[in-house]
Every structure is written in structure tokens, then in C-alpha cells.
mmCIF file of all heavy atoms, coordinates in Angstrom:
data_MODEL
# 
_entry.id   MODEL 
# 
loop_
_atom_site.group_PDB 
_atom_site.id 
_atom_site.type_symbol 
_atom_site.label_atom_id 
_atom_site.label_alt_id 
_atom_site.label_comp_id 
_atom_site.label_asym_id 
_atom_site.label_entity_id 
_atom_site.label_seq_id 
_atom_site.pdbx_PDB_ins_code 
_atom_site.Cartn_x 
_atom_site.Cartn_y 
_atom_site.Cartn_z 
_atom_site.occupancy 
_atom_site.B_iso_or_equiv 
_atom_site.pdbx_formal_charge 
_atom_site.auth_seq_id 
_atom_site.auth_comp_id 
_atom_site.auth_asym_id 
_atom_site.auth_atom_id 
_atom_site.pdbx_PDB_model_num 
ATOM 1   N N   . SER A 1 1  ? 0.861  -1.178  0.000  1.00 0.00 ? 1  SER A N   1 
ATOM 2   C CA  . SER A 1 1  ? 0.000  0.000   0.000  1.00 0.00 ? 1  SER A CA  1 
ATOM 3   C C   . SER A 1 1  ? 0.899  1.231   0.000  1.00 0.00 ? 1  SER A C   1 
ATOM 4   O O   . SER A 1 1  ? 2.121  1.118   -0.083 1.00 0.00 ? 1  SER A O   1 
ATOM 5   C CB  . SER A 1 1  ? -0.915 0.002   1.228  1.00 0.00 ? 1  SER A CB  1 
ATOM 6   O OG  . SER A 1 1  ? -0.162 0.200   2.412  1.00 0.00 ? 1  SER A OG  1 
ATOM 7   N N   . ALA A 1 2  ? 0.283  2.371   0.110  1.00 0.00 ? 2  ALA A N   1 
ATOM 8   C CA  . ALA A 1 2  ? 1.066  3.613   0.097  1.00 0.00 ? 2  ALA A CA  1 
ATOM 9   C C   . ALA A 1 2  ? 1.971  3.727   1.314  1.00 0.00 ? 2  ALA A C   1 
ATOM 10  O O   . ALA A 1 2  ? 2.981  4.426   1.286  1.00 0.00 ? 2  ALA A O   1 
ATOM 11  C CB  . ALA A 1 2  ? 0.124  4.815   0.031  1.00 0.00 ? 2  ALA A CB  1 
ATOM 12  N N   . THR A 1 3  ? 1.606  3.033   2.398  1.00 0.00 ? 3  THR A N   1 
ATOM 13  C CA  . THR A 1 3  ? 2.362  3.200   3.640  1.00 0.00 ? 3  THR A CA  1 
ATOM 14  C C   . THR A 1 3  ? 2.979  1.906   4.164  1.00 0.00 ? 3  THR A C   1 
ATOM 15  O O   . THR A 1 3  ? 3.676  1.931   5.169  1.00 0.00 ? 3  THR A O   1 
ATOM 16  C CB  . THR A 1 3  ? 1.444  3.765   4.745  1.00 0.00 ? 3  THR A CB  1 
ATOM 17  O OG1 . THR A 1 3  ? 0.332  2.873   4.931  1.00 0.00 ? 3  THR A OG1 1 
ATOM 18  C CG2 . THR A 1 3  ? 0.931  5.149   4.353  1.00 0.00 ? 3  THR A CG2 1 
ATOM 19  N N   . PHE A 1 4  ? 2.705  0.759   3.498  1.00 0.00 ? 4  PHE A N   1 
ATOM 20  C CA  . PHE A 1 4  ? 3.170  -0.511  4.067  1.00 0.00 ? 4  PHE A CA  1 
ATOM 21  C C   . PHE A 1 4  ? 3.478  -1.515  2.970  1.00 0.00 ? 4  PHE A C   1 
ATOM 22  O O   . PHE A 1 4  ? 2.765  -1.605  1.972  1.00 0.00 ? 4  PHE A O   1 
ATOM 23  C CB  . PHE A 1 4  ? 2.085  -1.088  4.992  1.00 0.00 ? 4  PHE A CB  1 
ATOM 24  C CG  . PHE A 1 4  ? 2.413  -2.449  5.564  1.00 0.00 ? 4  PHE A CG  1 
ATOM 25  C CD1 . PHE A 1 4  ? 3.294  -2.575  6.621  1.00 0.00 ? 4  PHE A CD1 1 
ATOM 26  C CD2 . PHE A 1 4  ? 1.861  -3.604  5.013  1.00 0.00 ? 4  PHE A CD2 1 
ATOM 27  C CE1 . PHE A 1 4  ? 3.608  -3.816  7.133  1.00 0.00 ? 4  PHE A CE1 1 
ATOM 28  C CE2 . PHE A 1 4  ? 2.159  -4.846  5.533  1.00 0.00 ? 4  PHE A CE2 1 
ATOM 29  C CZ  . PHE A 1 4  ? 3.043  -4.952  6.596  1.00 0.00 ? 4  PHE A CZ  1 
ATOM 30  N N   . THR A 1 5  ? 4.546  -2.264  3.161  1.00 0.00 ? 5  THR A N   1 
ATOM 31  C CA  . THR A 1 5  ? 4.892  -3.374  2.276  1.00 0.00 ? 5  THR A CA  1 
ATOM 32  C C   . THR A 1 5  ? 5.266  -4.560  3.153  1.00 0.00 ? 5  THR A C   1 
ATOM 33  O O   . THR A 1 5  ? 6.115  -4.444  4.037  1.00 0.00 ? 5  THR A O   1 
ATOM 34  C CB  . THR A 1 5  ? 6.072  -3.031  1.351  1.00 0.00 ? 5  THR A CB  1 
ATOM 35  O OG1 . THR A 1 5  ? 5.689  -1.932  0.510  1.00 0.00 ? 5  THR A OG1 1 
ATOM 36  C CG2 . THR A 1 5  ? 6.426  -4.217  0.469  1.00 0.00 ? 5  THR A CG2 1 
ATOM 37  N N   . GLY A 1 6  ? 4.626  -5.699  2.929  1.00 0.00 ? 6  GLY A N   1 
ATOM 38  C CA  . GLY A 1 6  ? 4.921  -6.868  3.752  1.00 0.00 ? 6  GLY A CA  1 
ATOM 39  C C   . GLY A 1 6  ? 4.256  -8.095  3.192  1.00 0.00 ? 6  GLY A C   1 
ATOM 40  O O   . GLY A 1 6  ? 3.895  -8.145  2.013  1.00 0.00 ? 6  GLY A O   1 
ATOM 41  N N   . TYR A 1 7  ? 4.084  -9.102  4.050  1.00 0.00 ? 7  TYR A N   1 
ATOM 42  C CA  . TYR A 1 7  ? 3.499  -10.364 3.625  1.00 0.00 ? 7  TYR A CA  1 
ATOM 43  C C   . TYR A 1 7  ? 2.398  -10.785 4.596  1.00 0.00 ? 7  TYR A C   1 
ATOM 44  O O   . TYR A 1 7  ? 2.452  -10.476 5.788  1.00 0.00 ? 7  TYR A O   1 
ATOM 45  C CB  . TYR A 1 7  ? 4.564  -11.461 3.562  1.00 0.00 ? 7  TYR A CB  1 
ATOM 46  C CG  . TYR A 1 7  ? 5.584  -11.226 2.468  1.00 0.00 ? 7  TYR A CG  1 
ATOM 47  C CD1 . TYR A 1 7  ? 6.780  -10.570 2.744  1.00 0.00 ? 7  TYR A CD1 1 
ATOM 48  C CD2 . TYR A 1 7  ? 5.344  -11.657 1.169  1.00 0.00 ? 7  TYR A CD2 1 
ATOM 49  C CE1 . TYR A 1 7  ? 7.713  -10.345 1.742  1.00 0.00 ? 7  TYR A CE1 1 
ATOM 50  C CE2 . TYR A 1 7  ? 6.275  -11.441 0.165  1.00 0.00 ? 7  TYR A CE2 1 
ATOM 51  C CZ  . TYR A 1 7  ? 7.452  -10.785 0.446  1.00 0.00 ? 7  TYR A CZ  1 
ATOM 52  O OH  . TYR A 1 7  ? 8.370  -10.566 -0.536 1.00 0.00 ? 7  TYR A OH  1 
ATOM 53  N N   . GLU A 1 8  ? 1.437  -11.504 4.056  1.00 0.00 ? 8  GLU A N   1 
ATOM 54  C CA  . GLU A 1 8  ? 0.362  -12.067 4.863  1.00 0.00 ? 8  GLU A CA  1 
ATOM 55  C C   . GLU A 1 8  ? 0.318  -13.565 4.607  1.00 0.00 ? 8  GLU A C   1 
ATOM 56  O O   . GLU A 1 8  ? 0.459  -14.018 3.468  1.00 0.00 ? 8  GLU A O   1 
ATOM 57  C CB  . GLU A 1 8  ? -0.973 -11.435 4.482  1.00 0.00 ? 8  GLU A CB  1 
ATOM 58  C CG  . GLU A 1 8  ? -2.144 -11.974 5.293  1.00 0.00 ? 8  GLU A CG  1 
ATOM 59  C CD  . GLU A 1 8  ? -3.458 -11.350 4.874  1.00 0.00 ? 8  GLU A CD  1 
ATOM 60  O OE1 . GLU A 1 8  ? -3.666 -11.179 3.647  1.00 0.00 ? 8  GLU A OE1 1 
ATOM 61  O OE2 . GLU A 1 8  ? -4.266 -11.037 5.753  1.00 0.00 ? 8  GLU A OE2 1 
ATOM 62  N N   . ALA A 1 9  ? 0.129  -14.356 5.655  1.00 0.00 ? 9  ALA A N   1 
ATOM 63  C CA  . ALA A 1 9  ? 0.025  -15.809 5.531  1.00 0.00 ? 9  ALA A CA  1 
ATOM 64  C C   . ALA A 1 9  ? -1.291 -16.264 6.129  1.00 0.00 ? 9  ALA A C   1 
ATOM 65  O O   . ALA A 1 9  ? -1.691 -15.803 7.198  1.00 0.00 ? 9  ALA A O   1 
ATOM 66  C CB  . ALA A 1 9  ? 1.186  -16.489 6.245  1.00 0.00 ? 9  ALA A CB  1 
ATOM 67  N N   . ASN A 1 10 ? -1.971 -17.170 5.433  1.00 0.00 ? 10 ASN A N   1 
ATOM 68  C CA  . ASN A 1 10 ? -3.242 -17.683 5.909  1.00 0.00 ? 10 ASN A CA  1 
ATOM 69  C C   . ASN A 1 10 ? -3.277 -19.198 5.773  1.00 0.00 ? 10 ASN A C   1 
ATOM 70  O O   . ASN A 1 10 ? -2.691 -19.770 4.856  1.00 0.00 ? 10 ASN A O   1 
ATOM 71  C CB  . ASN A 1 10 ? -4.410 -17.075 5.110  1.00 0.00 ? 10 ASN A CB  1 
ATOM 72  C CG  . ASN A 1 10 ? -4.637 -15.612 5.439  1.00 0.00 ? 10 ASN A CG  1 
ATOM 73  O OD1 . ASN A 1 10 ? -4.825 -15.269 6.606  1.00 0.00 ? 10 ASN A OD1 1 
ATOM 74  N ND2 . ASN A 1 10 ? -4.598 -14.761 4.438  1.00 0.00 ? 10 ASN A ND2 1 
ATOM 75  N N   . GLY A 1 11 ? -3.965 -19.840 6.679  1.00 0.00 ? 11 GLY A N   1 
ATOM 76  C CA  . GLY A 1 11 ? -4.090 -21.286 6.666  1.00 0.00 ? 11 GLY A CA  1 
ATOM 77  C C   . GLY A 1 11 ? -4.082 -21.822 8.086  1.00 0.00 ? 11 GLY A C   1 
ATOM 78  O O   . GLY A 1 11 ? -3.713 -21.117 9.034  1.00 0.00 ? 11 GLY A O   1 
ATOM 79  N N   . GLU A 1 12 ? -4.470 -23.068 8.230  1.00 0.00 ? 12 GLU A N   1 
ATOM 80  C CA  . GLU A 1 12 ? -4.505 -23.685 9.553  1.00 0.00 ? 12 GLU A CA  1 
ATOM 81  C C   . GLU A 1 12 ? -3.145 -23.661 10.227 1.00 0.00 ? 12 GLU A C   1 
ATOM 82  O O   . GLU A 1 12 ? -3.040 -23.493 11.449 1.00 0.00 ? 12 GLU A O   1 
ATOM 83  C CB  . GLU A 1 12 ? -4.999 -25.128 9.430  1.00 0.00 ? 12 GLU A CB  1 
ATOM 84  C CG  . GLU A 1 12 ? -5.118 -25.850 10.762 1.00 0.00 ? 12 GLU A CG  1 
ATOM 85  C CD  . GLU A 1 12 ? -5.636 -27.262 10.606 1.00 0.00 ? 12 GLU A CD  1 
ATOM 86  O OE1 . GLU A 1 12 ? -6.630 -27.449 9.883  1.00 0.00 ? 12 GLU A OE1 1 
ATOM 87  O OE2 . GLU A 1 12 ? -5.042 -28.180 11.215 1.00 0.00 ? 12 GLU A OE2 1 
ATOM 88  N N   . VAL A 1 13 ? -2.074 -23.821 9.424  1.00 0.00 ? 13 VAL A N   1 
ATOM 89  C CA  . VAL A 1 13 ? -0.721 -23.862 9.984  1.00 0.00 ? 13 VAL A CA  1 
ATOM 90  C C   . VAL A 1 13 ? -0.420 -22.600 10.794 1.00 0.00 ? 13 VAL A C   1 
ATOM 91  O O   . VAL A 1 13 ? 0.280  -22.653 11.813 1.00 0.00 ? 13 VAL A O   1 
ATOM 92  C CB  . VAL A 1 13 ? 0.317  -24.064 8.861  1.00 0.00 ? 13 VAL A CB  1 
ATOM 93  C CG1 . VAL A 1 13 ? 0.290  -22.914 7.862  1.00 0.00 ? 13 VAL A CG1 1 
ATOM 94  C CG2 . VAL A 1 13 ? 1.715  -24.221 9.434  1.00 0.00 ? 13 VAL A CG2 1 
ATOM 95  N N   . VAL A 1 14 ? -0.944 -21.465 10.346 1.00 0.00 ? 14 VAL A N   1 
ATOM 96  C CA  . VAL A 1 14 ? -0.691 -20.194 11.028 1.00 0.00 ? 14 VAL A CA  1 
ATOM 97  C C   . VAL A 1 14 ? -1.364 -20.180 12.399 1.00 0.00 ? 14 VAL A C   1 
ATOM 98  O O   . VAL A 1 14 ? -0.750 -19.845 13.418 1.00 0.00 ? 14 VAL A O   1 
ATOM 99  C CB  . VAL A 1 14 ? -1.199 -19.016 10.178 1.00 0.00 ? 14 VAL A CB  1 
ATOM 100 C CG1 . VAL A 1 14 ? -0.926 -17.689 10.886 1.00 0.00 ? 14 VAL A CG1 1 
ATOM 101 C CG2 . VAL A 1 14 ? -0.557 -19.034 8.806  1.00 0.00 ? 14 VAL A CG2 1 
ATOM 102 N N   . HIS A 1 15 ? -2.623 -20.564 12.444 1.00 0.00 ? 15 HIS A N   1 
ATOM 103 C CA  . HIS A 1 15 ? -3.385 -20.511 13.692 1.00 0.00 ? 15 HIS A CA  1 
ATOM 104 C C   . HIS A 1 15 ? -2.864 -21.527 14.715 1.00 0.00 ? 15 HIS A C   1 
ATOM 105 O O   . HIS A 1 15 ? -2.809 -21.237 15.916 1.00 0.00 ? 15 HIS A O   1 
ATOM 106 C CB  . HIS A 1 15 ? -4.866 -20.756 13.398 1.00 0.00 ? 15 HIS A CB  1 
ATOM 107 C CG  . HIS A 1 15 ? -5.478 -19.699 12.534 1.00 0.00 ? 15 HIS A CG  1 
ATOM 108 N ND1 . HIS A 1 15 ? -5.930 -18.495 13.029 1.00 0.00 ? 15 HIS A ND1 1 
ATOM 109 C CD2 . HIS A 1 15 ? -5.678 -19.651 11.189 1.00 0.00 ? 15 HIS A CD2 1 
ATOM 110 C CE1 . HIS A 1 15 ? -6.400 -17.755 12.048 1.00 0.00 ? 15 HIS A CE1 1 
ATOM 111 N NE2 . HIS A 1 15 ? -6.262 -18.434 10.916 1.00 0.00 ? 15 HIS A NE2 1 
ATOM 112 N N   . VAL A 1 16 ? -2.476 -22.701 14.235 1.00 0.00 ? 16 VAL A N   1 
ATOM 113 C CA  . VAL A 1 16 ? -1.937 -23.700 15.165 1.00 0.00 ? 16 VAL A CA  1 
ATOM 114 C C   . VAL A 1 16 ? -0.609 -23.220 15.744 1.00 0.00 ? 16 VAL A C   1 
ATOM 115 O O   . VAL A 1 16 ? -0.332 -23.400 16.936 1.00 0.00 ? 16 VAL A O   1 
ATOM 116 C CB  . VAL A 1 16 ? -1.790 -25.066 14.467 1.00 0.00 ? 16 VAL A CB  1 
ATOM 117 C CG1 . VAL A 1 16 ? -1.065 -26.057 15.377 1.00 0.00 ? 16 VAL A CG1 1 
ATOM 118 C CG2 . VAL A 1 16 ? -3.157 -25.616 14.082 1.00 0.00 ? 16 VAL A CG2 1 
ATOM 119 N N   . ALA A 1 17 ? 0.233  -22.612 14.922 1.00 0.00 ? 17 ALA A N   1 
ATOM 120 C CA  . ALA A 1 17 ? 1.509  -22.081 15.423 1.00 0.00 ? 17 ALA A CA  1 
ATOM 121 C C   . ALA A 1 17 ? 1.277  -21.055 16.526 1.00 0.00 ? 17 ALA A C   1 
ATOM 122 O O   . ALA A 1 17 ? 1.964  -21.043 17.557 1.00 0.00 ? 17 ALA A O   1 
ATOM 123 C CB  . ALA A 1 17 ? 2.313  -21.455 14.282 1.00 0.00 ? 17 ALA A CB  1 
ATOM 124 N N   . ALA A 1 18 ? 0.268  -20.202 16.333 1.00 0.00 ? 18 ALA A N   1 
ATOM 125 C CA  . ALA A 1 18 ? -0.040 -19.189 17.347 1.00 0.00 ? 18 ALA A CA  1 
ATOM 126 C C   . ALA A 1 18 ? -0.547 -19.836 18.636 1.00 0.00 ? 18 ALA A C   1 
ATOM 127 O O   . ALA A 1 18 ? -0.176 -19.426 19.741 1.00 0.00 ? 18 ALA A O   1 
ATOM 128 C CB  . ALA A 1 18 ? -1.083 -18.217 16.802 1.00 0.00 ? 18 ALA A CB  1 
ATOM 129 N N   . ARG A 1 19 ? -1.366 -20.870 18.508 1.00 0.00 ? 19 ARG A N   1 
ATOM 130 C CA  . ARG A 1 19 ? -1.882 -21.571 19.684 1.00 0.00 ? 19 ARG A CA  1 
ATOM 131 C C   . ARG A 1 19 ? -0.754 -22.273 20.439 1.00 0.00 ? 19 ARG A C   1 
ATOM 132 O O   . ARG A 1 19 ? -0.727 -22.296 21.672 1.00 0.00 ? 19 ARG A O   1 
ATOM 133 C CB  . ARG A 1 19 ? -2.942 -22.591 19.272 1.00 0.00 ? 19 ARG A CB  1 
ATOM 134 C CG  . ARG A 1 19 ? -4.187 -22.007 18.652 1.00 0.00 ? 19 ARG A CG  1 
ATOM 135 C CD  . ARG A 1 19 ? -5.115 -21.410 19.693 1.00 0.00 ? 19 ARG A CD  1 
ATOM 136 N NE  . ARG A 1 19 ? -6.430 -21.158 19.145 1.00 0.00 ? 19 ARG A NE  1 
ATOM 137 C CZ  . ARG A 1 19 ? -6.813 -20.032 18.551 1.00 0.00 ? 19 ARG A CZ  1 
ATOM 138 N NH1 . ARG A 1 19 ? -5.931 -19.043 18.419 1.00 0.00 ? 19 ARG A NH1 1 
ATOM 139 N NH2 . ARG A 1 19 ? -8.036 -19.874 18.104 1.00 0.00 ? 19 ARG A NH2 1 
ATOM 140 N N   . VAL A 1 20 ? 0.175  -22.872 19.703 1.00 0.00 ? 20 VAL A N   1 
ATOM 141 C CA  . VAL A 1 20 ? 1.291  -23.575 20.331 1.00 0.00 ? 20 VAL A CA  1 
ATOM 142 C C   . VAL A 1 20 ? 2.162  -22.587 21.096 1.00 0.00 ? 20 VAL A C   1 
ATOM 143 O O   . VAL A 1 20 ? 2.644  -22.867 22.198 1.00 0.00 ? 20 VAL A O   1 
ATOM 144 C CB  . VAL A 1 20 ? 2.112  -24.344 19.276 1.00 0.00 ? 20 VAL A CB  1 
ATOM 145 C CG1 . VAL A 1 20 ? 3.423  -24.853 19.866 1.00 0.00 ? 20 VAL A CG1 1 
ATOM 146 C CG2 . VAL A 1 20 ? 1.293  -25.515 18.730 1.00 0.00 ? 20 VAL A CG2 1 
ATOM 147 N N   . GLU A 1 21 ? 2.373  -21.408 20.527 1.00 0.00 ? 21 GLU A N   1 
ATOM 148 C CA  . GLU A 1 21 ? 3.150  -20.388 21.240 1.00 0.00 ? 21 GLU A CA  1 
ATOM 149 C C   . GLU A 1 21 ? 2.489  -20.034 22.562 1.00 0.00 ? 21 GLU A C   1 
ATOM 150 O O   . GLU A 1 21 ? 3.152  -19.873 23.587 1.00 0.00 ? 21 GLU A O   1 
ATOM 151 C CB  . GLU A 1 21 ? 3.295  -19.146 20.371 1.00 0.00 ? 21 GLU A CB  1 
ATOM 152 C CG  . GLU A 1 21 ? 4.106  -18.042 21.029 1.00 0.00 ? 21 GLU A CG  1 
ATOM 153 C CD  . GLU A 1 21 ? 3.535  -16.664 20.796 1.00 0.00 ? 21 GLU A CD  1 
ATOM 154 O OE1 . GLU A 1 21 ? 2.301  -16.565 20.547 1.00 0.00 ? 21 GLU A OE1 1 
ATOM 155 O OE2 . GLU A 1 21 ? 4.281  -15.697 20.897 1.00 0.00 ? 21 GLU A OE2 1 
ATOM 156 N N   . GLN A 1 22 ? 1.168  -19.936 22.557 1.00 0.00 ? 22 GLN A N   1 
ATOM 157 C CA  . GLN A 1 22 ? 0.445  -19.562 23.776 1.00 0.00 ? 22 GLN A CA  1 
ATOM 158 C C   . GLN A 1 22 ? 0.521  -20.641 24.854 1.00 0.00 ? 22 GLN A C   1 
ATOM 159 O O   . GLN A 1 22 ? 0.332  -20.357 26.031 1.00 0.00 ? 22 GLN A O   1 
ATOM 160 C CB  . GLN A 1 22 ? -1.011 -19.267 23.422 1.00 0.00 ? 22 GLN A CB  1 
ATOM 161 C CG  . GLN A 1 22 ? -1.180 -18.010 22.578 1.00 0.00 ? 22 GLN A CG  1 
ATOM 162 C CD  . GLN A 1 22 ? -2.531 -17.894 21.912 1.00 0.00 ? 22 GLN A CD  1 
ATOM 163 O OE1 . GLN A 1 22 ? -3.452 -18.649 22.252 1.00 0.00 ? 22 GLN A OE1 1 
ATOM 164 N NE2 . GLN A 1 22 ? -2.667 -16.992 20.961 1.00 0.00 ? 22 GLN A NE2 1 
ATOM 165 N N   . MET A 1 23 ? 0.816  -21.889 24.462 1.00 0.00 ? 23 MET A N   1 
ATOM 166 C CA  . MET A 1 23 ? 0.990  -22.969 25.435 1.00 0.00 ? 23 MET A CA  1 
ATOM 167 C C   . MET A 1 23 ? 2.332  -22.875 26.161 1.00 0.00 ? 23 MET A C   1 
ATOM 168 O O   . MET A 1 23 ? 2.488  -23.423 27.251 1.00 0.00 ? 23 MET A O   1 
ATOM 169 C CB  . MET A 1 23 ? 0.964  -24.327 24.727 1.00 0.00 ? 23 MET A CB  1 
ATOM 170 C CG  . MET A 1 23 ? -0.312 -24.716 24.065 1.00 0.00 ? 23 MET A CG  1 
ATOM 171 S SD  . MET A 1 23 ? -0.060 -26.327 23.268 1.00 0.00 ? 23 MET A SD  1 
ATOM 172 C CE  . MET A 1 23 ? -1.563 -26.446 22.306 1.00 0.00 ? 23 MET A CE  1 
ATOM 173 N N   . ALA A 1 24 ? 3.297  -22.217 25.542 1.00 0.00 ? 24 ALA A N   1 
ATOM 174 C CA  . ALA A 1 24 ? 4.675  -22.261 26.036 1.00 0.00 ? 24 ALA A CA  1 
ATOM 175 C C   . ALA A 1 24 ? 4.819  -21.566 27.389 1.00 0.00 ? 24 ALA A C   1 
ATOM 176 O O   . ALA A 1 24 ? 4.258  -20.485 27.614 1.00 0.00 ? 24 ALA A O   1 
ATOM 177 C CB  . ALA A 1 24 ? 5.618  -21.628 25.022 1.00 0.00 ? 24 ALA A CB  1 
ATOM 178 N N   . GLN A 1 25 ? 5.577  -22.192 28.271 1.00 0.00 ? 25 GLN A N   1 
ATOM 179 C CA  . GLN A 1 25 ? 5.922  -21.590 29.548 1.00 0.00 ? 25 GLN A CA  1 
ATOM 180 C C   . GLN A 1 25 ? 7.121  -20.669 29.368 1.00 0.00 ? 25 GLN A C   1 
ATOM 181 O O   . GLN A 1 25 ? 7.600  -20.458 28.253 1.00 0.00 ? 25 GLN A O   1 
ATOM 182 C CB  . GLN A 1 25 ? 6.219  -22.685 30.575 1.00 0.00 ? 25 GLN A CB  1 
ATOM 183 C CG  . GLN A 1 25 ? 5.038  -23.597 30.846 1.00 0.00 ? 25 GLN A CG  1 
ATOM 184 C CD  . GLN A 1 25 ? 3.834  -22.856 31.397 1.00 0.00 ? 25 GLN A CD  1 
ATOM 185 O OE1 . GLN A 1 25 ? 3.962  -22.076 32.335 1.00 0.00 ? 25 GLN A OE1 1 
ATOM 186 N NE2 . GLN A 1 25 ? 2.671  -23.100 30.819 1.00 0.00 ? 25 GLN A NE2 1 
ATOM 187 N N   . GLU A 1 26 ? 7.627  -20.154 30.464 1.00 0.00 ? 26 GLU A N   1 
ATOM 188 C CA  . GLU A 1 26 ? 8.732  -19.192 30.414 1.00 0.00 ? 26 GLU A CA  1 
ATOM 189 C C   . GLU A 1 26 ? 9.936  -19.747 29.669 1.00 0.00 ? 26 GLU A C   1 
ATOM 190 O O   . GLU A 1 26 ? 10.458 -20.808 30.007 1.00 0.00 ? 26 GLU A O   1 
ATOM 191 C CB  . GLU A 1 26 ? 9.132  -18.808 31.838 1.00 0.00 ? 26 GLU A CB  1 
ATOM 192 C CG  . GLU A 1 26 ? 10.242 -17.777 31.904 1.00 0.00 ? 26 GLU A CG  1 
ATOM 193 C CD  . GLU A 1 26 ? 10.522 -17.361 33.339 1.00 0.00 ? 26 GLU A CD  1 
ATOM 194 O OE1 . GLU A 1 26 ? 9.680  -17.613 34.212 1.00 0.00 ? 26 GLU A OE1 1 
ATOM 195 O OE2 . GLU A 1 26 ? 11.597 -16.786 33.578 1.00 0.00 ? 26 GLU A OE2 1 
# 
């Protein structure tokens, strides 16, 4: 866009990775 350049990823793999991170302890 006029103010941003980057990448977007979609799929089950993305959501599961986020859930796994939330399981992690310190």
C-alpha cells in the first residue's frame, strides 16, 4: 500500500503455530 509493504500468511498452519506459542511456559 502507500504506507506498508509486507506479507500475509493464511491457513490452519498459522493458527496452530499461534496456539502452540500460547501454550509455552517461560
